[in-house]
Each structure stands twice: as C-alpha cells, then as structure tokens.
Amino acid sequence: MLLERTARLPEGALWRYELKWDGYRAIAYKTGGKLFLRSRNDNDISIRYAVVTAALAKLPEDTVIDGEIVALDENGRPSFNVLQNYGSGKAPVYYYVFDILVLQGKDVMREKLRVRQEILASAIMPRFADPVRAGANLDAPLSVLIQSAKGQRLEGLVAKRLDSRYEPGQRSGAWQKMRLNQGREFVIGGYTIGGRTFAVAGQKSPALDPASNLPNLR
C-alpha cells in the first residue's frame, strides 16, 4: 500500500500518526519454513539484510507483514545515507513493522487498520526482539508532532485512517505522508556520442561546455 504525498496531514480521531522512516520499504513473509524479505520493487534482500532475516525467523508460517528497514546514525536518527552504505560501517539496522497482510494463511487485508494493529500487537510483535521493532503510534496532537519532528530533524510524518483496509499497490489517500525536513541530492551526468564507452569526468571532451565547465547534457 502506497502513501499519498500531501502538504498538510489530516487531523482527527480517525487518524493514526507515525514517523516517516527514511529507509527501504520491505515485505517479510514465511512459507515452507523459509523466511523471505523483499523490497518494494520485489527484489530479494534477504541476504543483504541477513541480520533482519534471522531476527524474523519466529514469524508464523504463512504470514506476511509490512515494514521498513532503517539505519540509525550516531545520534539515533534514521539516515538513508547510512543505510545506503550498510556493510561498510558498524551502524545498526532495524526492521520497523507497521502492518500485517496475512496471518497464518488468513487474509486480513480487508480488516480495518485498528484491527490489524491489534493483531500485530497480540500475535506478532511479542515474538521478536531487536532488530525487529514495532512502528509506534504517535499519540499526541498533530501540531506537537510536527514541531517535535522538525526539532529533531526527522524526515516527516505519516497519517493513516484507522478504518482503512490494506490496498496493495494503491495510493488511495487513506495513507498520507508529509515531509518536514527536506534535503536534496543531485547527480550531474553527461556523455559523448560515439565510441563504446562513456567519457570520464574531467577529461577533455567535445561534449564539455568550456563556458561552464559542465557536461553538455543531452
């Protein structure tokens, strides 16, 4: 289920608020006694995040959960940059579980979110310890949450309707996200026409614009 981007999150008793994790969305499921961890693009990431896969071994058979793999920096904040470089450093990774789709072969996606959260709390999360964690409900007024998230330089917040069902691949608006502390990264690339390889940045090339010293992007 996908999140709809918004500049202002809805308020009211029908909404649940969570942190917007700066990580990799991942579905975990167990079938035939084997645990699988797959990315949003359906890539197998079980080996790359073997510590998470091993920690999820106690997931019940024929059960599917949804969550996000997150790396924390030295200040305990989620960091996508740290996550991208996972394996080259000592930063820990965690799997934050925030929904359940199937419980021991029973499809629960049509249950309301509040019911699915109760299932997670009673039947799933007690089985686990770090690095598997529950994606907590933030029980405070939205204005306070926004101020706190900005102050701690967190990426943003998520709002989910408590009566919403799980809609795979859909961006229905029942789940919404708002970014608060936005950063941007840019990659500038260029190429020369002809030959079988790309020109190396910094080499003299007809594709370079001498006035700006930047590649002539085509």
C-alpha atoms as a PDB file:
ATOM      1  CA  MET A   1       0.000   0.000   0.000  1.00  0.00           C
ATOM      2  CA  LEU A   2       1.392   3.377  -1.028  1.00  0.00           C
ATOM      3  CA  LEU A   3       1.399   6.765   0.655  1.00  0.00           C
ATOM      4  CA  GLU A   4      -0.088   9.873  -0.916  1.00  0.00           C
ATOM      5  CA  ARG A   5       2.093  12.952  -0.592  1.00  0.00           C
ATOM      6  CA  THR A   6       0.466  15.987   0.992  1.00  0.00           C
ATOM      7  CA  ALA A   7       1.499  19.408   2.252  1.00  0.00           C
ATOM      8  CA  ARG A   8      -0.850  19.130   5.234  1.00  0.00           C
ATOM      9  CA  LEU A   9      -1.827  15.987   7.117  1.00  0.00           C
ATOM     10  CA  PRO A  10      -5.456  15.436   8.160  1.00  0.00           C
ATOM     11  CA  GLU A  11      -6.422  15.734  11.817  1.00  0.00           C
ATOM     12  CA  GLY A  12      -8.981  13.978  13.976  1.00  0.00           C
ATOM     13  CA  ALA A  13      -9.739  10.833  15.929  1.00  0.00           C
ATOM     14  CA  LEU A  14      -9.949   8.734  12.749  1.00  0.00           C
ATOM     15  CA  TRP A  15      -6.243   9.125  12.053  1.00  0.00           C
ATOM     16  CA  ARG A  16      -3.155   7.372  13.377  1.00  0.00           C
ATOM     17  CA  TYR A  17       0.222   9.141  13.175  1.00  0.00           C
ATOM     18  CA  GLU A  18       3.610   7.506  12.670  1.00  0.00           C
ATOM     19  CA  LEU A  19       7.125   8.607  11.795  1.00  0.00           C
ATOM     20  CA  LYS A  20       8.079   8.713   8.137  1.00  0.00           C
ATOM     21  CA  TRP A  21      11.064   6.377   8.139  1.00  0.00           C
ATOM     22  CA  ASP A  22      13.940   7.294   5.846  1.00  0.00           C
ATOM     23  CA  GLY A  23      14.648   3.704   4.792  1.00  0.00           C
ATOM     24  CA  TYR A  24      13.766   0.810   2.491  1.00  0.00           C
ATOM     25  CA  ARG A  25      10.208  -0.476   2.428  1.00  0.00           C
ATOM     26  CA  ALA A  26      10.189  -4.279   2.749  1.00  0.00           C
ATOM     27  CA  ILE A  27       7.658  -7.096   2.918  1.00  0.00           C
ATOM     28  CA  ALA A  28       8.568 -10.100   5.095  1.00  0.00           C
ATOM     29  CA  TYR A  29       6.818 -13.445   4.756  1.00  0.00           C
ATOM     30  CA  LYS A  30       7.341 -17.042   5.750  1.00  0.00           C
ATOM     31  CA  THR A  31       6.295 -20.060   3.723  1.00  0.00           C
ATOM     32  CA  GLY A  32       7.543 -23.627   3.624  1.00  0.00           C
ATOM     33  CA  GLY A  33       9.569 -22.902   6.736  1.00  0.00           C
ATOM     34  CA  LYS A  34      11.661 -20.250   4.946  1.00  0.00           C
ATOM     35  CA  LEU A  35      11.719 -16.520   5.641  1.00  0.00           C
ATOM     36  CA  PHE A  36      11.742 -14.104   2.706  1.00  0.00           C
ATOM     37  CA  LEU A  37      12.479 -10.377   2.749  1.00  0.00           C
ATOM     38  CA  ARG A  38      11.617  -8.471  -0.406  1.00  0.00           C
ATOM     39  CA  SER A  39      11.825  -4.829  -1.406  1.00  0.00           C
ATOM     40  CA  ARG A  40       9.031  -2.677  -2.760  1.00  0.00           C
ATOM     41  CA  ASN A  41      10.320  -3.491  -6.262  1.00  0.00           C
ATOM     42  CA  ASP A  42      10.118  -7.211  -5.399  1.00  0.00           C
ATOM     43  CA  ASN A  43      13.856  -7.717  -5.129  1.00  0.00           C
ATOM     44  CA  ASP A  44      15.117 -10.362  -2.715  1.00  0.00           C
ATOM     45  CA  ILE A  45      17.058  -8.547   0.033  1.00  0.00           C
ATOM     46  CA  SER A  46      17.145 -11.453   2.499  1.00  0.00           C
ATOM     47  CA  ILE A  47      20.908 -11.908   2.202  1.00  0.00           C
ATOM     48  CA  ARG A  48      21.838  -8.232   2.156  1.00  0.00           C
ATOM     49  CA  TYR A  49      19.988  -7.698   5.446  1.00  0.00           C
ATOM     50  CA  ALA A  50      20.698 -11.136   6.873  1.00  0.00           C
ATOM     51  CA  VAL A  51      20.585  -9.834  10.449  1.00  0.00           C
ATOM     52  CA  VAL A  52      16.959  -8.776   9.921  1.00  0.00           C
ATOM     53  CA  THR A  53      16.080 -12.006   8.137  1.00  0.00           C
ATOM     54  CA  ALA A  54      17.496 -14.064  11.011  1.00  0.00           C
ATOM     55  CA  ALA A  55      15.631 -11.984  13.596  1.00  0.00           C
ATOM     56  CA  LEU A  56      12.339 -12.636  11.756  1.00  0.00           C
ATOM     57  CA  ALA A  57      12.749 -16.430  11.950  1.00  0.00           C
ATOM     58  CA  LYS A  58       9.947 -16.703  14.529  1.00  0.00           C
ATOM     59  CA  LEU A  59       7.378 -15.226  12.151  1.00  0.00           C
ATOM     60  CA  PRO A  60       4.421 -17.663  11.994  1.00  0.00           C
ATOM     61  CA  GLU A  61       4.147 -19.897   8.926  1.00  0.00           C
ATOM     62  CA  ASP A  62       2.156 -18.445   6.003  1.00  0.00           C
ATOM     63  CA  THR A  63       2.244 -14.931   7.463  1.00  0.00           C
ATOM     64  CA  VAL A  64       3.002 -11.661   5.654  1.00  0.00           C
ATOM     65  CA  ILE A  65       3.981  -8.379   7.336  1.00  0.00           C
ATOM     66  CA  ASP A  66       4.881  -4.931   6.046  1.00  0.00           C
ATOM     67  CA  GLY A  67       7.595  -2.675   7.394  1.00  0.00           C
ATOM     68  CA  GLU A  68      10.694  -0.632   6.694  1.00  0.00           C
ATOM     69  CA  ILE A  69      14.406  -1.326   7.046  1.00  0.00           C
ATOM     70  CA  VAL A  70      16.049   1.633   8.761  1.00  0.00           C
ATOM     71  CA  ALA A  71      19.638   2.507   9.680  1.00  0.00           C
ATOM     72  CA  LEU A  72      20.340   4.858  12.576  1.00  0.00           C
ATOM     73  CA  ASP A  73      23.178   7.369  12.646  1.00  0.00           C
ATOM     74  CA  GLU A  74      25.399   8.160  15.643  1.00  0.00           C
ATOM     75  CA  ASN A  75      22.628  10.386  17.044  1.00  0.00           C
ATOM     76  CA  GLY A  76      19.976   7.694  16.797  1.00  0.00           C
ATOM     77  CA  ARG A  77      18.178   9.307  13.856  1.00  0.00           C
ATOM     78  CA  PRO A  78      17.128   7.401  10.726  1.00  0.00           C
ATOM     79  CA  SER A  79      19.652   8.012   7.950  1.00  0.00           C
ATOM     80  CA  PHE A  80      19.163   6.940   4.347  1.00  0.00           C
ATOM     81  CA  ASN A  81      22.809   7.720   3.610  1.00  0.00           C
ATOM     82  CA  VAL A  82      23.940   5.347   6.365  1.00  0.00           C
ATOM     83  CA  LEU A  83      21.543   2.707   5.058  1.00  0.00           C
ATOM     84  CA  GLN A  84      22.914   3.014   1.521  1.00  0.00           C
ATOM     85  CA  ASN A  85      26.399   2.325   2.894  1.00  0.00           C
ATOM     86  CA  TYR A  86      25.288  -0.545   5.102  1.00  0.00           C
ATOM     87  CA  GLY A  87      28.003  -3.163   5.353  1.00  0.00           C
ATOM     88  CA  SER A  88      30.881  -0.700   5.113  1.00  0.00           C
ATOM     89  CA  GLY A  89      30.368   0.570   8.666  1.00  0.00           C
ATOM     90  CA  LYS A  90      29.075  -0.501  12.056  1.00  0.00           C
ATOM     91  CA  ALA A  91      25.747   1.337  12.034  1.00  0.00           C
ATOM     92  CA  PRO A  92      22.879  -0.928  13.163  1.00  0.00           C
ATOM     93  CA  VAL A  93      19.833  -1.635  11.009  1.00  0.00           C
ATOM     94  CA  TYR A  94      16.315  -2.288  12.261  1.00  0.00           C
ATOM     95  CA  TYR A  95      13.093  -3.552  10.747  1.00  0.00           C
ATOM     96  CA  TYR A  96      10.110  -1.478  11.879  1.00  0.00           C
ATOM     97  CA  VAL A  97       6.880  -3.454  11.428  1.00  0.00           C
ATOM     98  CA  PHE A  98       3.746  -1.384  10.837  1.00  0.00           C
ATOM     99  CA  ASP A  99       1.167  -3.678   9.206  1.00  0.00           C
ATOM    100  CA  ILE A 100       0.081  -7.248   8.575  1.00  0.00           C
ATOM    101  CA  LEU A 101      -1.471  -8.669   5.404  1.00  0.00           C
ATOM    102  CA  VAL A 102      -1.807 -12.391   6.127  1.00  0.00           C
ATOM    103  CA  LEU A 103      -1.849 -14.254   9.444  1.00  0.00           C
ATOM    104  CA  GLN A 104      -1.153 -17.999   9.243  1.00  0.00           C
ATOM    105  CA  GLY A 105      -2.844 -18.280   5.862  1.00  0.00           C
ATOM    106  CA  LYS A 106      -5.768 -15.963   6.685  1.00  0.00           C
ATOM    107  CA  ASP A 107      -6.061 -12.803   4.589  1.00  0.00           C
ATOM    108  CA  VAL A 108      -6.599  -9.865   6.957  1.00  0.00           C
ATOM    109  CA  MET A 109      -6.165  -7.038   4.423  1.00  0.00           C
ATOM    110  CA  ARG A 110      -9.895  -6.263   4.484  1.00  0.00           C
ATOM    111  CA  GLU A 111      -9.847  -5.781   8.246  1.00  0.00           C
ATOM    112  CA  LYS A 112      -9.698  -2.191   9.479  1.00  0.00           C
ATOM    113  CA  LEU A 113      -6.263  -0.799  10.309  1.00  0.00           C
ATOM    114  CA  ARG A 114      -7.086  -0.649  14.022  1.00  0.00           C
ATOM    115  CA  VAL A 115      -7.881  -4.375  13.944  1.00  0.00           C
ATOM    116  CA  ARG A 116      -4.687  -5.197  12.063  1.00  0.00           C
ATOM    117  CA  GLN A 117      -2.718  -3.238  14.653  1.00  0.00           C
ATOM    118  CA  GLU A 118      -4.310  -5.298  17.417  1.00  0.00           C
ATOM    119  CA  ILE A 119      -3.297  -8.482  15.587  1.00  0.00           C
ATOM    120  CA  LEU A 120       0.269  -7.233  15.298  1.00  0.00           C
ATOM    121  CA  ALA A 121       0.415  -6.312  18.983  1.00  0.00           C
ATOM    122  CA  SER A 122      -1.006  -9.605  20.253  1.00  0.00           C
ATOM    123  CA  ALA A 123       0.089 -12.284  17.756  1.00  0.00           C
ATOM    124  CA  ILE A 124       3.238 -10.997  16.047  1.00  0.00           C
ATOM    125  CA  MET A 125       5.403  -8.477  17.878  1.00  0.00           C
ATOM    126  CA  PRO A 126       5.757 -10.394  21.197  1.00  0.00           C
ATOM    127  CA  ARG A 127       7.759 -12.997  19.251  1.00  0.00           C
ATOM    128  CA  PHE A 128      10.534 -10.565  18.378  1.00  0.00           C
ATOM    129  CA  ALA A 129      13.354  -8.525  19.856  1.00  0.00           C
ATOM    130  CA  ASP A 130      15.852  -6.157  18.222  1.00  0.00           C
ATOM    131  CA  PRO A 131      16.461  -5.559  15.385  1.00  0.00           C
ATOM    132  CA  VAL A 132      12.717  -6.111  14.802  1.00  0.00           C
ATOM    133  CA  ARG A 133      10.650  -3.295  16.271  1.00  0.00           C
ATOM    134  CA  ALA A 134       7.049  -2.104  16.177  1.00  0.00           C
ATOM    135  CA  GLY A 135       6.275   1.050  14.236  1.00  0.00           C
ATOM    136  CA  ALA A 136       4.803   3.061  17.095  1.00  0.00           C
ATOM    137  CA  ASN A 137       1.643   5.136  17.065  1.00  0.00           C
ATOM    138  CA  LEU A 138       2.461   8.759  17.945  1.00  0.00           C
ATOM    139  CA  ASP A 139      -0.230   9.696  20.453  1.00  0.00           C
ATOM    140  CA  ALA A 140      -0.124  13.493  20.536  1.00  0.00           C
ATOM    141  CA  PRO A 141      -1.760  16.453  18.753  1.00  0.00           C
ATOM    142  CA  LEU A 142      -0.553  16.854  15.180  1.00  0.00           C
ATOM    143  CA  SER A 143       0.848  20.340  15.826  1.00  0.00           C
ATOM    144  CA  VAL A 144       3.012  18.968  18.645  1.00  0.00           C
ATOM    145  CA  LEU A 145       4.218  16.081  16.478  1.00  0.00           C
ATOM    146  CA  ILE A 146       5.179  18.440  13.653  1.00  0.00           C
ATOM    147  CA  GLN A 147       7.090  20.722  15.985  1.00  0.00           C
ATOM    148  CA  SER A 148       8.881  17.792  17.607  1.00  0.00           C
ATOM    149  CA  ALA A 149       9.792  16.145  14.277  1.00  0.00           C
ATOM    150  CA  LYS A 150      11.182  19.421  12.946  1.00  0.00           C
ATOM    151  CA  GLY A 151      13.169  19.991  16.117  1.00  0.00           C
ATOM    152  CA  GLN A 152      14.734  16.533  15.922  1.00  0.00           C
ATOM    153  CA  ARG A 153      15.395  16.915  12.185  1.00  0.00           C
ATOM    154  CA  LEU A 154      13.319  13.865  11.301  1.00  0.00           C
ATOM    155  CA  GLU A 155      12.208  13.411   7.707  1.00  0.00           C
ATOM    156  CA  GLY A 156       8.474  13.694   8.238  1.00  0.00           C
ATOM    157  CA  LEU A 157       5.216  12.184   9.446  1.00  0.00           C
ATOM    158  CA  VAL A 158       2.634   9.717   8.180  1.00  0.00           C
ATOM    159  CA  ALA A 159      -1.117   9.708   8.793  1.00  0.00           C
ATOM    160  CA  LYS A 160      -3.253   6.563   8.329  1.00  0.00           C
ATOM    161  CA  ARG A 161      -7.025   6.190   8.609  1.00  0.00           C
ATOM    162  CA  LEU A 162      -7.847   3.775  11.417  1.00  0.00           C
ATOM    163  CA  ASP A 163     -10.770   2.346   9.443  1.00  0.00           C
ATOM    164  CA  SER A 164      -8.757   1.800   6.241  1.00  0.00           C
ATOM    165  CA  ARG A 165      -8.175  -1.618   4.708  1.00  0.00           C
ATOM    166  CA  TYR A 166      -4.838  -2.630   3.194  1.00  0.00           C
ATOM    167  CA  GLU A 167      -4.833  -1.870  -0.543  1.00  0.00           C
ATOM    168  CA  PRO A 168      -1.710  -3.346  -2.225  1.00  0.00           C
ATOM    169  CA  GLY A 169      -0.152  -1.055  -4.825  1.00  0.00           C
ATOM    170  CA  GLN A 170      -2.793   1.627  -4.309  1.00  0.00           C
ATOM    171  CA  ARG A 171      -2.357   5.286  -3.362  1.00  0.00           C
ATOM    172  CA  SER A 172      -5.921   5.847  -2.178  1.00  0.00           C
ATOM    173  CA  GLY A 173      -5.264   8.676   0.274  1.00  0.00           C
ATOM    174  CA  ALA A 174      -6.063   6.514   3.288  1.00  0.00           C
ATOM    175  CA  TRP A 175      -2.320   6.669   3.979  1.00  0.00           C
ATOM    176  CA  GLN A 176      -0.669  10.085   3.638  1.00  0.00           C
ATOM    177  CA  LYS A 177       2.864  11.385   4.117  1.00  0.00           C
ATOM    178  CA  MET A 178       4.254  14.854   4.757  1.00  0.00           C
ATOM    179  CA  ARG A 179       7.933  15.734   4.531  1.00  0.00           C
ATOM    180  CA  LEU A 180       9.206  18.280   7.038  1.00  0.00           C
ATOM    181  CA  ASN A 181      12.992  18.471   6.804  1.00  0.00           C
ATOM    182  CA  GLN A 182      13.688  18.139   3.123  1.00  0.00           C
ATOM    183  CA  GLY A 183      17.113  17.607   1.658  1.00  0.00           C
ATOM    184  CA  ARG A 184      18.025  17.005  -1.947  1.00  0.00           C
ATOM    185  CA  GLU A 185      20.867  15.246  -3.679  1.00  0.00           C
ATOM    186  CA  PHE A 186      21.745  15.835  -7.326  1.00  0.00           C
ATOM    187  CA  VAL A 187      23.794  13.804  -9.737  1.00  0.00           C
ATOM    188  CA  ILE A 188      25.010  15.556 -12.885  1.00  0.00           C
ATOM    189  CA  GLY A 189      25.941  13.281 -15.739  1.00  0.00           C
ATOM    190  CA  GLY A 190      26.851  13.618 -19.368  1.00  0.00           C
ATOM    191  CA  TYR A 191      28.101  11.553 -22.269  1.00  0.00           C
ATOM    192  CA  THR A 192      29.771  11.912 -25.644  1.00  0.00           C
ATOM    193  CA  ILE A 193      28.264  10.483 -28.814  1.00  0.00           C
ATOM    194  CA  GLY A 194      30.346   7.794 -30.490  1.00  0.00           C
ATOM    195  CA  GLY A 195      32.637   5.123 -29.186  1.00  0.00           C
ATOM    196  CA  ARG A 196      31.673   2.231 -26.957  1.00  0.00           C
ATOM    197  CA  THR A 197      32.426   3.715 -23.525  1.00  0.00           C
ATOM    198  CA  PHE A 198      31.424   6.792 -21.536  1.00  0.00           C
ATOM    199  CA  ALA A 199      33.886   9.670 -21.230  1.00  0.00           C
ATOM    200  CA  VAL A 200      35.438  10.059 -17.777  1.00  0.00           C
ATOM    201  CA  ALA A 201      34.541  13.267 -15.951  1.00  0.00           C
ATOM    202  CA  GLY A 202      37.388  15.755 -16.053  1.00  0.00           C
ATOM    203  CA  GLN A 203      38.878  14.533 -19.343  1.00  0.00           C
ATOM    204  CA  LYS A 204      38.878  16.783 -22.365  1.00  0.00           C
ATOM    205  CA  SER A 205      35.852  16.007 -24.467  1.00  0.00           C
ATOM    206  CA  PRO A 206      33.872  17.699 -27.252  1.00  0.00           C
ATOM    207  CA  ALA A 207      30.809  17.321 -25.070  1.00  0.00           C
ATOM    208  CA  LEU A 208      32.160  19.750 -22.469  1.00  0.00           C
ATOM    209  CA  ASP A 209      30.953  23.310 -22.484  1.00  0.00           C
ATOM    210  CA  PRO A 210      34.090  25.420 -21.812  1.00  0.00           C
ATOM    211  CA  ALA A 211      31.992  28.364 -20.673  1.00  0.00           C
ATOM    212  CA  SER A 212      30.504  26.491 -17.729  1.00  0.00           C
ATOM    213  CA  ASN A 213      32.968  23.599 -17.382  1.00  0.00           C
ATOM    214  CA  LEU A 214      29.971  21.293 -17.056  1.00  0.00           C
ATOM    215  CA  PRO A 215      28.943  18.438 -19.354  1.00  0.00           C
ATOM    216  CA  ASN A 216      26.589  19.343 -22.168  1.00  0.00           C
ATOM    217  CA  LEU A 217      23.593  17.248 -21.100  1.00  0.00           C
ATOM    218  CA  ARG A 218      21.593  15.788 -23.962  1.00  0.00           C
END
